[in-house]
N, C-alpha and C. Protein backbone atom coordinates (compact mmCIF):
# COMPACT_ATOMS: atom_id res chain seq x y z
N UNK A 1 1.09 89.28 106.62
CA UNK A 1 1.34 87.67 107.00
C UNK A 1 1.93 88.06 104.84
N UNK A 2 1.07 88.27 103.75
CA UNK A 2 0.72 88.25 102.89
C UNK A 2 2.08 89.44 102.52
N UNK A 3 2.55 90.40 103.10
CA UNK A 3 3.66 91.09 102.22
C UNK A 3 5.06 89.66 102.66
N UNK A 4 5.00 89.25 104.52
CA UNK A 4 6.24 88.82 104.03
C UNK A 4 6.19 87.78 103.09
N UNK A 5 5.65 87.43 102.24
CA UNK A 5 5.37 86.06 101.46
C UNK A 5 6.11 86.46 100.14
N UNK A 6 5.22 87.68 99.27
CA UNK A 6 5.81 88.64 98.71
C UNK A 6 7.37 88.71 98.82
N UNK A 7 7.59 89.01 100.27
CA UNK A 7 9.17 89.65 100.01
C UNK A 7 10.58 88.57 99.99
N UNK A 8 9.61 87.49 100.35
CA UNK A 8 10.43 86.07 100.57
C UNK A 8 10.58 85.64 99.29
N UNK A 9 9.53 85.72 98.21
CA UNK A 9 9.19 85.68 97.06
C UNK A 9 10.23 86.10 95.94
N UNK A 10 10.49 87.96 96.69
CA UNK A 10 11.42 88.62 95.23
C UNK A 10 12.39 87.96 96.33
N UNK A 11 12.73 87.92 97.41
CA UNK A 11 14.13 87.51 97.61
C UNK A 11 15.12 86.15 96.43
N UNK A 12 13.79 84.90 96.80
CA UNK A 12 14.08 83.49 96.79
C UNK A 12 14.52 83.81 94.89
N UNK A 13 13.88 85.27 93.97
CA UNK A 13 14.25 85.35 92.93
C UNK A 13 15.09 86.14 92.27
N UNK A 14 15.03 86.78 93.31
CA UNK A 14 16.59 87.92 92.72
C UNK A 14 17.95 86.53 93.74
N UNK A 15 17.89 86.09 94.33
CA UNK A 15 18.77 84.43 94.21
C UNK A 15 18.92 83.73 93.46
N UNK A 16 18.15 83.38 93.19
CA UNK A 16 17.82 81.93 91.46
C UNK A 16 18.15 82.64 90.02
N UNK A 17 18.21 84.41 90.26
CA UNK A 17 19.01 85.04 89.30
C UNK A 17 20.74 85.05 88.98
N UNK A 18 20.99 84.86 90.44
CA UNK A 18 22.54 84.91 90.69
C UNK A 18 23.24 83.81 90.35
N UNK A 19 22.08 82.72 90.59
CA UNK A 19 22.98 81.31 90.63
C UNK A 19 23.37 81.46 88.81
N UNK A 20 24.96 80.26 88.99
CA UNK A 20 26.03 80.65 87.49
C UNK A 20 23.85 79.17 86.29
N UNK A 21 24.15 79.66 85.38
CA UNK A 21 23.25 78.57 84.64
C UNK A 21 23.57 77.98 83.82
N UNK A 22 23.98 76.95 84.14
CA UNK A 22 24.49 75.51 82.40
C UNK A 22 24.16 75.60 81.79
N UNK A 23 24.89 74.96 80.94
CA UNK A 23 24.67 75.77 79.42
C UNK A 23 24.77 73.77 79.00
N UNK A 24 24.00 73.34 77.88
CA UNK A 24 23.68 71.82 78.00
C UNK A 24 25.16 70.93 77.59
N UNK A 25 25.98 71.75 76.98
CA UNK A 25 27.08 71.23 76.92
C UNK A 25 27.69 70.76 78.22
N UNK A 26 27.56 71.68 78.87
CA UNK A 26 27.86 71.76 80.29
C UNK A 26 28.20 70.69 81.66
N UNK A 27 27.37 70.36 81.09
CA UNK A 27 25.78 69.82 81.79
C UNK A 27 26.16 68.72 81.67
N UNK A 28 26.18 68.06 80.35
CA UNK A 28 26.88 66.88 79.60
C UNK A 28 28.30 66.74 79.35
N UNK A 29 29.24 67.64 79.36
CA UNK A 29 30.52 66.85 79.76
C UNK A 29 30.37 66.75 81.39
N UNK A 30 30.17 67.41 82.45
CA UNK A 30 30.31 67.28 83.31
C UNK A 30 29.81 65.49 84.05
N UNK A 31 28.12 64.96 83.24
CA UNK A 31 27.84 64.29 83.53
C UNK A 31 28.97 62.96 82.89
N UNK A 32 29.98 63.33 81.29
CA UNK A 32 31.05 61.88 81.30
C UNK A 32 31.94 62.16 81.68
N UNK A 33 32.44 63.31 82.74
CA UNK A 33 33.71 62.90 83.40
C UNK A 33 32.97 62.79 84.57
N UNK A 34 32.35 62.69 85.37
CA UNK A 34 32.08 61.73 86.20
C UNK A 34 31.75 60.22 86.27
N UNK A 35 31.20 59.93 84.87
CA UNK A 35 30.73 58.75 84.50
C UNK A 35 32.18 57.54 84.03
N UNK A 36 32.81 58.63 83.37
CA UNK A 36 34.21 57.97 83.50
C UNK A 36 35.47 57.73 84.30
N UNK A 37 34.80 58.47 85.54
CA UNK A 37 35.73 58.24 86.74
C UNK A 37 34.83 57.08 87.62
N UNK A 38 33.59 57.28 87.97
CA UNK A 38 32.90 55.74 88.29
C UNK A 38 33.59 54.70 87.54
N UNK A 39 33.56 54.52 86.24
CA UNK A 39 34.59 53.04 85.54
C UNK A 39 35.39 52.59 85.91
N UNK A 40 36.02 54.32 86.23
CA UNK A 40 37.77 53.49 85.91
C UNK A 40 37.47 52.75 88.28
N UNK A 41 36.68 53.28 88.21
CA UNK A 41 37.50 53.02 90.17
C UNK A 41 36.11 51.69 89.54
N UNK A 42 35.50 51.24 88.33
CA UNK A 42 35.09 49.36 88.70
C UNK A 42 36.34 49.26 88.46
N UNK A 43 37.37 49.48 87.63
CA UNK A 43 38.06 48.79 86.39
C UNK A 43 39.48 48.21 87.94
N UNK A 44 39.32 50.04 88.63
CA UNK A 44 40.29 49.54 89.96
C UNK A 44 40.27 48.28 90.92
N UNK A 45 38.96 49.13 91.15
CA UNK A 45 37.90 47.39 92.05
C UNK A 45 37.88 46.63 91.54
N UNK A 46 38.27 45.84 90.68
CA UNK A 46 38.27 44.36 89.84
C UNK A 46 39.91 43.77 90.31
N UNK A 47 40.67 45.49 89.64
CA UNK A 47 41.98 44.38 90.01
C UNK A 47 42.41 44.79 91.31
N UNK A 48 41.58 45.50 92.26
CA UNK A 48 42.12 44.87 93.53
C UNK A 48 41.85 43.71 94.51
N UNK A 49 40.66 43.47 93.32
CA UNK A 49 39.87 41.82 93.56
C UNK A 49 40.40 40.72 94.31
N UNK A 50 41.31 40.79 92.58
CA UNK A 50 41.29 39.65 91.46
C UNK A 50 43.32 39.50 92.65
N UNK A 51 43.80 41.12 92.27
CA UNK A 51 45.07 40.96 93.33
C UNK A 51 45.37 40.45 94.75
N UNK A 52 44.67 40.76 95.56
CA UNK A 52 44.67 40.63 97.11
C UNK A 52 44.36 39.80 97.53
N UNK A 53 43.41 38.90 97.24
CA UNK A 53 43.18 37.29 97.29
C UNK A 53 44.60 36.51 97.12
N UNK A 54 45.22 36.80 96.17
CA UNK A 54 46.53 36.24 96.14
C UNK A 54 47.21 35.85 96.76
N UNK A 55 47.62 37.15 97.98
CA UNK A 55 48.68 36.75 98.38
C UNK A 55 48.29 35.61 99.87
N UNK A 56 46.67 35.15 100.09
CA UNK A 56 46.40 34.35 100.71
C UNK A 56 47.13 33.03 99.83
N UNK A 57 47.97 32.87 99.88
CA UNK A 57 48.12 31.70 99.11
C UNK A 57 50.04 31.15 99.43
N UNK A 58 49.95 32.23 100.03
CA UNK A 58 51.76 31.83 100.86
C UNK A 58 51.81 32.14 102.06
N UNK A 59 49.91 31.99 102.12
CA UNK A 59 49.81 30.96 104.10
C UNK A 59 49.92 29.93 103.74
N UNK A 60 49.82 28.93 105.16
CA UNK A 60 50.14 28.01 105.35
C UNK A 60 49.07 27.58 105.49
N UNK A 61 48.18 28.07 105.64
CA UNK A 61 46.79 27.09 106.33
C UNK A 61 46.25 27.36 103.67
N UNK A 62 46.65 27.45 103.51
CA UNK A 62 46.28 27.82 101.71
C UNK A 62 46.57 26.51 102.39
N UNK A 63 48.09 26.13 101.91
CA UNK A 63 49.04 25.16 101.23
C UNK A 63 47.97 23.43 101.56
N UNK A 64 47.88 24.53 103.46
CA UNK A 64 47.37 22.86 103.49
C UNK A 64 45.98 22.79 103.10
N UNK A 65 44.96 23.64 102.59
CA UNK A 65 44.17 23.29 102.48
C UNK A 65 44.37 23.21 100.93
N UNK A 66 45.27 23.17 100.43
CA UNK A 66 45.65 21.87 99.01
C UNK A 66 45.88 20.40 99.07
N UNK A 67 46.12 20.65 99.99
CA UNK A 67 46.96 19.04 100.33
C UNK A 67 44.96 18.76 100.17
N UNK A 68 45.05 19.00 101.44
CA UNK A 68 42.81 18.59 101.31
C UNK A 68 42.15 18.16 100.39
N UNK A 69 43.06 18.76 99.08
CA UNK A 69 41.86 18.85 97.90
C UNK A 69 42.31 17.53 97.72
N UNK A 70 43.81 17.09 97.78
CA UNK A 70 44.78 16.34 97.64
C UNK A 70 43.88 14.79 97.45
N UNK A 71 43.70 14.76 99.15
CA UNK A 71 42.47 14.18 99.87
C UNK A 71 41.39 13.38 99.53
N UNK A 72 40.47 14.68 99.15
CA UNK A 72 39.68 14.63 98.94
C UNK A 72 38.82 13.58 97.78
N UNK A 73 40.46 14.21 96.61
CA UNK A 73 40.46 13.73 94.93
C UNK A 73 40.10 13.84 93.56
N UNK A 74 39.80 15.41 94.55
CA UNK A 74 39.23 17.32 93.79
C UNK A 74 40.67 17.83 93.18
N UNK A 75 41.90 17.41 93.30
CA UNK A 75 43.12 18.32 92.92
C UNK A 75 43.21 18.85 91.90
N UNK A 76 42.98 17.92 90.89
CA UNK A 76 42.88 18.36 89.58
C UNK A 76 41.91 18.90 89.40
N UNK A 77 40.89 18.36 89.62
CA UNK A 77 39.87 19.36 88.72
C UNK A 77 39.85 20.74 90.07
N UNK A 78 40.22 21.29 91.07
CA UNK A 78 40.64 22.65 91.32
C UNK A 78 40.94 23.35 90.54
N UNK A 79 42.14 22.32 90.63
CA UNK A 79 43.50 23.23 88.72
C UNK A 79 42.35 23.84 88.21
N UNK A 80 41.76 22.58 87.38
CA UNK A 80 41.32 23.08 86.21
C UNK A 80 40.24 24.14 86.47
N UNK A 81 39.61 24.46 87.70
CA UNK A 81 38.11 25.14 87.52
C UNK A 81 39.19 26.44 87.61
N UNK A 82 40.64 26.43 88.89
CA UNK A 82 41.21 27.80 88.99
C UNK A 82 41.55 28.50 87.37
N UNK A 83 41.73 27.30 86.95
CA UNK A 83 42.22 27.80 84.96
C UNK A 83 41.68 28.41 84.55
N UNK A 84 39.97 28.10 84.49
CA UNK A 84 39.05 28.57 84.08
C UNK A 84 38.78 29.79 84.40
N UNK A 85 38.91 30.10 86.53
CA UNK A 85 38.07 31.47 86.34
C UNK A 85 39.06 32.71 86.54
N UNK A 86 40.80 32.40 86.72
CA UNK A 86 41.67 33.30 86.32
C UNK A 86 40.74 33.75 85.37
N UNK A 87 41.12 32.39 84.09
CA UNK A 87 40.78 33.40 82.46
C UNK A 87 40.07 33.65 82.43
N UNK A 88 38.34 33.63 83.05
CA UNK A 88 37.17 34.58 82.62
C UNK A 88 37.66 35.54 83.49
N UNK A 89 38.30 36.23 84.63
CA UNK A 89 38.14 36.92 85.38
C UNK A 89 39.19 38.61 84.92
N UNK A 90 40.58 37.27 83.57
CA UNK A 90 41.18 38.30 82.94
C UNK A 90 40.38 39.18 82.27
N UNK A 91 39.31 38.00 81.44
CA UNK A 91 39.05 38.86 80.13
C UNK A 91 37.54 40.38 80.89
N UNK A 92 37.41 39.41 81.68
CA UNK A 92 36.02 40.43 82.69
C UNK A 92 37.48 42.42 83.07
N UNK A 93 37.87 41.66 83.57
CA UNK A 93 38.87 42.68 83.67
C UNK A 93 39.73 43.91 82.10
N UNK A 94 39.82 42.75 81.45
CA UNK A 94 39.95 43.31 80.21
C UNK A 94 38.95 44.17 79.55
N UNK A 95 37.11 43.28 79.49
CA UNK A 95 36.40 44.36 79.20
C UNK A 95 36.32 45.61 79.65
N UNK A 96 36.78 45.66 81.23
CA UNK A 96 36.55 47.01 81.98
C UNK A 96 37.01 47.15 81.25
N UNK A 97 38.78 47.35 81.30
CA UNK A 97 39.55 48.68 80.74
C UNK A 97 39.02 48.72 78.92
N UNK A 98 38.02 47.91 79.26
CA UNK A 98 38.00 48.02 77.58
C UNK A 98 36.52 49.79 77.43
N UNK A 99 35.62 49.20 78.30
CA UNK A 99 34.82 50.06 78.93
C UNK A 99 35.21 51.70 79.32
N UNK A 100 36.40 51.74 80.09
CA UNK A 100 36.65 52.87 80.81
C UNK A 100 37.37 53.68 78.94
N UNK A 101 38.24 53.01 78.46
CA UNK A 101 38.69 53.30 77.72
C UNK A 101 37.80 54.43 76.48
N UNK A 102 36.33 53.50 76.22
CA UNK A 102 35.49 53.47 75.43
C UNK A 102 34.84 55.01 76.27
N UNK A 103 33.97 54.85 76.70
CA UNK A 103 33.04 56.36 78.00
C UNK A 103 34.70 57.18 78.81
N UNK A 104 36.13 57.40 78.24
CA UNK A 104 36.83 58.17 78.26
C UNK A 104 37.21 59.62 77.37
N UNK A 105 36.42 58.71 76.03
CA UNK A 105 36.17 59.43 74.59
C UNK A 105 35.38 60.05 74.56
N UNK A 106 35.31 62.35 75.26
CA UNK A 106 34.23 62.65 74.63
C UNK A 106 33.08 61.97 73.15
N UNK A 107 31.71 61.20 73.84
CA UNK A 107 30.65 61.24 72.81
C UNK A 107 29.77 62.10 73.04
N UNK A 108 28.52 61.84 72.27
CA UNK A 108 27.48 63.18 72.04
C UNK A 108 26.80 62.01 73.68
N UNK A 109 25.20 63.02 73.34
CA UNK A 109 24.66 61.64 74.86
C UNK A 109 24.00 60.19 74.57
N UNK A 110 24.06 60.21 72.64
CA UNK A 110 22.71 58.71 72.83
C UNK A 110 24.50 57.84 73.34
N UNK A 111 24.78 58.22 72.34
CA UNK A 111 26.49 57.62 72.76
C UNK A 111 26.91 56.92 73.89
N UNK A 112 26.84 57.97 74.80
CA UNK A 112 27.56 58.15 76.04
C UNK A 112 26.31 57.25 76.77
N UNK A 113 24.83 57.44 76.56
CA UNK A 113 24.29 56.54 77.05
C UNK A 113 24.42 54.95 76.83
N UNK A 114 24.22 54.71 75.49
CA UNK A 114 25.10 53.37 75.35
C UNK A 114 26.12 52.63 75.78
N UNK A 115 27.02 53.47 75.77
CA UNK A 115 28.42 52.63 76.52
C UNK A 115 28.12 53.07 78.47
N UNK A 116 27.39 53.21 79.06
CA UNK A 116 26.99 53.58 80.13
C UNK A 116 26.12 52.17 80.14
N UNK A 117 25.06 51.85 79.32
CA UNK A 117 23.81 49.96 79.51
C UNK A 117 25.74 49.36 79.70
N UNK A 118 26.39 49.57 78.44
CA UNK A 118 27.54 48.07 78.00
C UNK A 118 27.88 47.74 79.07
N UNK A 119 28.27 49.01 79.90
CA UNK A 119 29.14 49.00 81.53
C UNK A 119 28.67 47.80 81.89
N UNK A 120 27.22 48.37 82.52
CA UNK A 120 26.53 47.96 83.32
C UNK A 120 26.44 47.08 83.41
N UNK A 121 25.88 46.62 81.98
CA UNK A 121 25.23 44.97 81.62
C UNK A 121 26.95 44.22 81.97
N UNK A 122 28.25 44.01 81.66
CA UNK A 122 29.25 43.86 81.87
C UNK A 122 29.52 43.51 83.51
N UNK A 123 29.59 44.63 83.69
CA UNK A 123 29.01 44.24 85.83
C UNK A 123 28.71 43.34 86.41
N UNK A 124 26.98 43.27 85.75
CA UNK A 124 26.42 42.60 86.02
C UNK A 124 26.11 41.10 85.81
N UNK A 125 27.56 40.59 84.56
CA UNK A 125 27.78 39.70 84.12
C UNK A 125 29.01 39.64 85.33
N UNK A 126 30.07 39.85 85.14
CA UNK A 126 30.40 39.64 86.15
C UNK A 126 30.11 39.41 87.74
N UNK A 127 29.19 40.62 88.51
CA UNK A 127 29.26 39.26 89.97
C UNK A 127 28.14 38.29 89.15
N UNK A 128 27.97 37.89 88.82
CA UNK A 128 27.23 36.75 88.24
C UNK A 128 28.01 35.85 88.93
N UNK A 129 28.87 36.09 87.27
CA UNK A 129 29.78 35.07 87.30
C UNK A 129 30.68 34.32 89.22
N UNK A 130 31.41 34.73 90.01
CA UNK A 130 31.78 35.30 91.01
C UNK A 130 31.04 35.46 91.65
N UNK A 131 29.58 34.72 92.33
CA UNK A 131 28.58 34.38 92.71
C UNK A 131 28.66 33.18 92.55
N UNK A 132 29.07 32.68 90.92
CA UNK A 132 28.51 31.62 90.56
C UNK A 132 29.42 30.23 90.99
N UNK A 133 30.56 30.86 90.81
CA UNK A 133 31.90 30.33 90.63
C UNK A 133 32.56 30.30 92.51
N UNK A 134 31.97 30.86 93.62
CA UNK A 134 31.70 30.54 94.54
C UNK A 134 31.04 29.37 95.04
N UNK A 135 29.61 29.42 94.96
CA UNK A 135 28.84 28.65 95.10
C UNK A 135 29.30 26.99 94.43
N UNK A 136 29.31 27.21 93.06
CA UNK A 136 30.34 26.54 92.52
C UNK A 136 31.29 25.72 93.18
N UNK A 137 32.20 26.42 93.34
CA UNK A 137 33.84 26.03 94.68
C UNK A 137 32.91 25.25 96.01
N UNK A 138 32.40 25.38 96.44
CA UNK A 138 31.69 24.93 97.52
C UNK A 138 30.56 23.11 96.95
N UNK A 139 29.98 22.56 95.75
CA UNK A 139 29.81 22.34 95.61
C UNK A 139 30.37 21.07 95.05
N UNK A 140 32.20 21.72 94.68
CA UNK A 140 32.83 20.48 94.07
C UNK A 140 33.15 19.85 95.83
N UNK A 141 33.50 20.70 97.00
CA UNK A 141 34.75 20.00 97.70
C UNK A 141 33.08 19.52 98.56
N UNK A 142 31.75 19.28 98.39
CA UNK A 142 30.89 18.52 98.10
C UNK A 142 30.59 17.45 98.19
N UNK A 143 30.37 17.16 97.05
CA UNK A 143 30.93 16.78 95.86
C UNK A 143 32.14 15.37 96.28
N UNK A 144 32.93 15.83 96.16
CA UNK A 144 34.38 15.75 96.77
C UNK A 144 34.47 14.19 97.98
N UNK A 145 33.68 15.14 99.81
CA UNK A 145 32.99 14.15 100.87
C UNK A 145 32.19 13.70 100.34
N UNK A 146 30.85 13.67 99.65
CA UNK A 146 30.42 12.12 99.50
C UNK A 146 30.96 11.60 98.75
N UNK A 147 31.43 11.27 98.07
CA UNK A 147 32.16 10.25 96.62
C UNK A 147 33.21 9.85 97.95
N UNK A 148 33.98 10.86 98.91
CA UNK A 148 35.35 9.87 99.03
C UNK A 148 34.94 9.20 100.30
N UNK A 149 34.60 8.59 99.97
CA UNK A 149 34.84 7.44 101.86
C UNK A 149 35.94 7.75 102.70
N UNK A 150 37.64 7.57 101.80
CA UNK A 150 38.30 6.59 102.11
C UNK A 150 38.68 8.55 103.38
N UNK A 151 38.34 9.53 102.86
CA UNK A 151 38.40 11.00 104.05
C UNK A 151 37.95 10.80 105.12
N UNK A 152 36.46 10.74 105.05
CA UNK A 152 35.62 10.87 105.93
C UNK A 152 36.39 10.05 107.00
N UNK A 153 36.80 8.84 106.65
CA UNK A 153 38.09 7.32 107.66
C UNK A 153 38.78 8.05 108.43
N UNK A 154 40.20 8.84 107.32
CA UNK A 154 41.70 9.62 108.49
C UNK A 154 40.74 10.21 108.92
N UNK A 155 39.84 11.14 108.62
CA UNK A 155 39.27 12.51 109.56
C UNK A 155 39.08 11.33 111.02
N UNK A 156 38.71 10.53 111.24
CA UNK A 156 37.79 9.32 112.68
C UNK A 156 39.17 8.97 112.64
N UNK A 157 40.37 8.97 111.97
CA UNK A 157 41.44 8.06 112.70
C UNK A 157 42.02 9.07 113.29
N UNK A 158 42.51 10.50 112.50
CA UNK A 158 43.32 11.54 112.53
C UNK A 158 42.90 12.30 114.19
N UNK A 159 41.92 12.34 114.46
CA UNK A 159 41.06 13.39 115.33
C UNK A 159 39.98 12.61 116.25
N UNK A 160 40.79 12.80 117.46
CA UNK A 160 40.85 12.61 118.54
C UNK A 160 38.89 12.67 118.53
N UNK A 161 38.38 13.52 118.48
CA UNK A 161 37.08 13.87 118.97
C UNK A 161 36.18 13.00 117.42
N UNK A 162 36.78 13.02 116.63
CA UNK A 162 35.94 12.50 115.64
C UNK A 162 35.58 10.88 115.76
N UNK A 163 36.93 10.39 116.85
CA UNK A 163 36.54 8.87 116.80
C UNK A 163 35.00 8.36 117.85
N UNK A 164 35.27 9.93 118.21
CA UNK A 164 33.43 9.56 119.33
C UNK A 164 32.17 9.17 118.00
N UNK A 165 32.63 10.29 116.90
CA UNK A 165 31.22 9.94 116.20
C UNK A 165 31.27 9.05 115.08
N UNK A 166 30.33 8.85 114.56
CA UNK A 166 30.41 7.59 113.41
C UNK A 166 31.12 7.87 112.00
N UNK A 167 31.46 7.10 110.87
CA UNK A 167 31.46 7.53 109.15
C UNK A 167 30.91 8.70 108.72
N UNK A 168 29.15 7.54 109.08
CA UNK A 168 28.16 8.44 108.52
C UNK A 168 27.84 9.65 108.67
N UNK A 169 27.35 9.71 109.95
CA UNK A 169 27.50 10.98 110.38
C UNK A 169 28.09 12.02 110.68
N UNK A 170 29.35 11.80 110.64
CA UNK A 170 30.30 12.81 110.26
C UNK A 170 30.71 13.17 109.29
N UNK A 171 30.34 12.67 108.17
CA UNK A 171 30.46 12.53 106.53
C UNK A 171 29.14 13.62 106.46
N UNK A 172 27.66 13.59 107.26
CA UNK A 172 26.21 13.97 106.88
C UNK A 172 26.51 15.35 107.72
N UNK A 173 27.16 15.89 108.37
CA UNK A 173 27.78 16.86 108.77
C UNK A 173 28.57 17.15 108.31
N UNK A 174 29.36 16.98 107.66
CA UNK A 174 30.36 17.82 106.89
C UNK A 174 29.76 18.58 106.16
N UNK A 175 29.05 17.21 105.04
CA UNK A 175 28.30 17.94 103.98
C UNK A 175 27.08 19.04 104.46
N UNK A 176 26.65 18.99 105.34
CA UNK A 176 25.73 20.32 105.68
C UNK A 176 26.76 21.48 106.44
N UNK A 177 28.03 21.66 106.95
CA UNK A 177 28.72 22.12 107.63
C UNK A 177 29.08 23.16 105.71
N UNK A 178 29.47 22.22 105.08
CA UNK A 178 29.90 22.97 103.80
C UNK A 178 28.65 23.72 102.51
N UNK A 179 27.35 23.23 102.87
CA UNK A 179 26.43 23.84 101.93
C UNK A 179 26.13 25.18 103.13
N UNK A 180 26.10 25.14 103.98
CA UNK A 180 25.44 26.27 104.75
C UNK A 180 26.42 27.78 104.40
N UNK A 181 28.22 26.85 105.17
CA UNK A 181 28.89 28.20 105.02
C UNK A 181 28.95 28.29 103.26
N UNK A 182 28.35 27.26 101.93
CA UNK A 182 28.94 27.99 100.74
C UNK A 182 27.20 29.60 100.34
N UNK A 183 26.53 28.76 101.14
CA UNK A 183 25.92 29.81 101.38
C UNK A 183 25.59 31.14 101.82
N UNK A 184 25.77 30.89 103.44
CA UNK A 184 26.50 32.09 103.39
C UNK A 184 27.71 33.24 103.15
N UNK A 185 28.75 31.92 102.93
CA UNK A 185 29.89 32.97 102.03
C UNK A 185 29.05 33.31 100.42
N UNK A 186 28.27 32.96 99.77
CA UNK A 186 27.81 33.23 98.52
C UNK A 186 27.15 34.61 99.09
N UNK A 187 26.02 34.82 100.39
CA UNK A 187 25.16 36.14 100.61
C UNK A 187 26.21 37.22 101.32
N UNK A 188 27.59 36.41 101.30
CA UNK A 188 28.17 37.94 101.84
C UNK A 188 29.06 38.33 100.62
N UNK A 189 29.50 37.73 99.75
CA UNK A 189 29.90 38.25 98.49
C UNK A 189 29.06 38.95 98.16
N UNK A 190 27.83 38.48 98.26
CA UNK A 190 27.29 39.37 97.81
C UNK A 190 26.67 40.88 97.80
N UNK A 191 27.03 41.12 99.16
CA UNK A 191 27.16 41.41 100.31
C UNK A 191 27.77 43.30 100.07
N UNK A 192 28.93 41.99 99.87
CA UNK A 192 30.23 43.30 99.65
C UNK A 192 29.48 43.99 97.53
N UNK A 193 29.51 43.18 96.90
CA UNK A 193 28.92 43.86 95.32
C UNK A 193 28.18 44.80 95.53
N UNK A 194 27.07 44.14 96.39
CA UNK A 194 26.31 45.31 96.53
C UNK A 194 27.20 46.20 97.06
N UNK A 195 27.44 46.26 97.68
CA UNK A 195 27.90 47.88 98.51
C UNK A 195 29.51 48.45 97.55
N UNK A 196 30.67 47.27 97.10
CA UNK A 196 31.27 48.92 96.28
C UNK A 196 30.35 48.79 94.62
N UNK A 197 30.71 47.44 93.97
CA UNK A 197 29.68 47.76 92.98
C UNK A 197 28.74 48.31 92.50
N UNK A 198 27.43 47.70 94.37
CA UNK A 198 26.02 48.37 93.38
C UNK A 198 26.25 50.07 93.52
N UNK A 199 26.88 50.53 93.82
CA UNK A 199 27.10 52.55 94.58
C UNK A 199 27.71 52.87 93.45
N UNK A 200 29.21 51.90 92.38
CA UNK A 200 29.34 52.68 92.06
C UNK A 200 27.97 52.14 90.00
N UNK A 201 27.25 51.25 90.68
CA UNK A 201 25.91 51.42 89.30
C UNK A 201 25.13 52.48 89.65
N UNK A 202 24.74 52.66 91.23
CA UNK A 202 23.82 53.38 91.60
C UNK A 202 23.65 54.86 90.05
N UNK A 203 25.61 55.01 90.95
CA UNK A 203 25.55 56.36 90.39
C UNK A 203 25.62 56.77 89.21
N UNK A 204 25.29 55.33 88.06
CA UNK A 204 26.29 55.81 86.86
C UNK A 204 24.78 55.77 86.23
N UNK A 205 23.59 54.91 87.11
CA UNK A 205 22.21 54.84 86.84
C UNK A 205 21.54 55.65 86.67
N UNK A 206 21.97 57.00 87.40
CA UNK A 206 21.90 58.10 88.06
C UNK A 206 21.96 59.05 86.55
N UNK A 207 23.23 59.24 86.02
CA UNK A 207 24.58 60.05 85.23
C UNK A 207 22.90 59.42 83.59
N UNK A 208 23.14 58.03 83.47
CA UNK A 208 22.19 57.99 82.29
C UNK A 208 20.90 58.48 82.23
N UNK A 209 19.90 58.31 83.89
CA UNK A 209 18.74 59.54 83.57
C UNK A 209 18.80 60.39 83.44
N UNK A 210 19.64 60.76 83.85
CA UNK A 210 20.67 63.03 83.72
C UNK A 210 20.35 62.98 82.04
N UNK A 211 21.19 62.29 81.80
CA UNK A 211 21.26 61.71 80.14
C UNK A 211 20.43 62.11 79.23
N UNK A 212 19.26 61.80 79.70
CA UNK A 212 17.74 60.96 79.12
C UNK A 212 17.17 61.61 79.54
N UNK A 213 17.05 63.20 80.45
CA UNK A 213 16.81 64.25 80.56
C UNK A 213 17.32 65.18 79.37
N UNK A 214 18.38 65.38 79.46
CA UNK A 214 19.12 66.00 78.30
C UNK A 214 18.73 65.90 76.94
N UNK A 215 18.24 64.62 76.57
CA UNK A 215 17.61 64.32 75.44
C UNK A 215 16.20 65.08 75.59
N UNK A 216 15.63 64.94 76.28
CA UNK A 216 14.23 65.35 75.62
C UNK A 216 13.51 66.74 75.47
């Protein structure tokens, strides 16, 4: 049994000697290239996330939604919110582009670690803003229904099924429905962000830890 173990040890040492030994510089360059690729994907995903939903505005359902905001008296507020949202999203996309250009320039391990930390912070701030906007949008709809009695009365007049429900009960139902939908939408969006950006951030964090080990 001992002889077999000794043979296995000798065989393992031979294989270990045959494995390529990477230098500090080669490992550093590998981490840099992987980090640059990850930040590039963060930029691409953020651009796709912004552009793809814009096609929804061409559909009839979105035009109907615009009419609903007019009936609720929040149309101007929603336009203002959209301008703010687009402006901030453009700012974040520009920041992701800057992070990508920064990290694409070869730097020492300490500089690369700082760039990775900066990128992670930017992504986290972007996720917090995006999820906050989902909740804020639903909050505006809730406030619009709560303050606009005519909107609920119009639904009662136009919808046959709603005629059998008192305006107060219909209003309460709509408010609860919007509140629950808003929370669920935020959770779903959070899950999507966790899968997309979370995966990329975890890999960036892994690269950061590998750089820390190189510096030791």
